[in-house]
Amino acid sequence: MKIAAFGFRSIPPKEGSAGADKFALELYPRLVKHNIKVTAYNRIYDNRNERIKSFNGVDIVNLKTI
């Protein structure tokens, strides 16, 4: 099974992140442990230029926000 995940700011969450970010941080790595491929789509802001490719088994795709 494959899951495309979006609707949060970033994984791993940044300081001051909201509940959706923390929820994603807990849920997605747990799904990976059950052999589910998870791809998370992060938003990139001007002051957040980190380019992480994966985190705890979750594949990360960084997208620029307009």
Protein backbone atom coordinates (compact mmCIF):
# COMPACT_ATOMS: atom_id res chain seq x y z
CA MET A 1 0.00 0.00 0.00
CA LYS A 2 1.14 3.55 -0.73
CA ILE A 3 -0.03 6.75 0.93
CA ALA A 4 0.51 10.35 -0.23
CA ALA A 5 0.26 12.63 2.79
CA PHE A 6 -0.35 16.38 2.84
CA GLY A 7 -2.24 18.95 4.90
CA PHE A 8 0.50 19.77 7.38
CA ARG A 9 3.46 22.14 7.26
CA SER A 10 6.45 19.85 7.54
CA ILE A 11 7.93 16.64 8.83
CA PRO A 12 9.74 16.91 11.16
CA PRO A 13 7.64 19.76 12.55
CA LYS A 14 9.24 23.12 13.22
CA GLU A 15 9.11 24.95 16.54
CA GLY A 16 5.63 26.29 17.17
CA SER A 17 3.99 23.75 14.90
CA ALA A 18 0.28 23.00 15.12
CA GLY A 19 -1.53 19.81 16.06
CA ALA A 20 -1.69 18.47 12.48
CA ASP A 21 2.11 18.56 12.24
CA LYS A 22 2.53 16.68 15.51
CA PHE A 23 -0.13 14.18 14.48
CA ALA A 24 1.68 13.51 11.19
CA LEU A 25 4.96 13.06 13.06
CA GLU A 26 3.39 10.28 15.15
CA LEU A 27 1.22 8.58 12.53
CA TYR A 28 3.36 8.36 9.39
CA PRO A 29 6.41 6.57 10.88
CA ARG A 30 4.02 4.09 12.52
CA LEU A 31 2.48 3.32 9.13
CA VAL A 32 5.97 2.75 7.69
CA LYS A 33 6.61 0.15 10.41
CA HIS A 34 3.61 -1.76 9.01
CA ASN A 35 5.22 -1.89 5.54
CA ILE A 36 3.15 0.97 4.13
CA LYS A 37 5.06 3.36 1.86
CA VAL A 38 4.35 6.93 2.95
CA THR A 39 5.31 9.99 0.91
CA ALA A 40 4.81 13.30 2.74
CA TYR A 41 4.60 16.55 0.80
CA ASN A 42 6.17 19.39 2.81
CA ARG A 43 5.62 23.08 2.22
CA ILE A 44 8.78 25.18 1.97
CA TYR A 45 8.68 28.76 3.20
CA ASP A 46 11.29 31.47 2.54
CA ASN A 47 12.87 31.05 5.97
CA ARG A 48 12.65 27.24 5.96
CA ASN A 49 14.90 25.94 3.23
CA GLU A 50 15.75 22.56 4.71
CA ARG A 51 15.84 19.84 2.09
CA ILE A 52 15.21 16.59 3.94
CA LYS A 53 14.68 13.56 1.67
CA SER A 54 13.34 11.20 4.36
CA PHE A 55 12.50 11.10 8.06
CA ASN A 56 12.00 7.89 10.07
CA GLY A 57 11.25 5.95 6.87
CA VAL A 58 8.82 8.53 5.47
CA ASP A 59 9.82 9.82 2.02
CA ILE A 60 9.76 13.62 1.90
CA VAL A 61 8.94 15.74 -1.16
CA ASN A 62 9.50 19.48 -0.63
CA LEU A 63 7.24 21.88 -2.52
CA LYS A 64 7.65 25.64 -2.71
CA THR A 65 4.73 27.69 -1.43
CA ILE A 66 3.62 30.69 -3.46
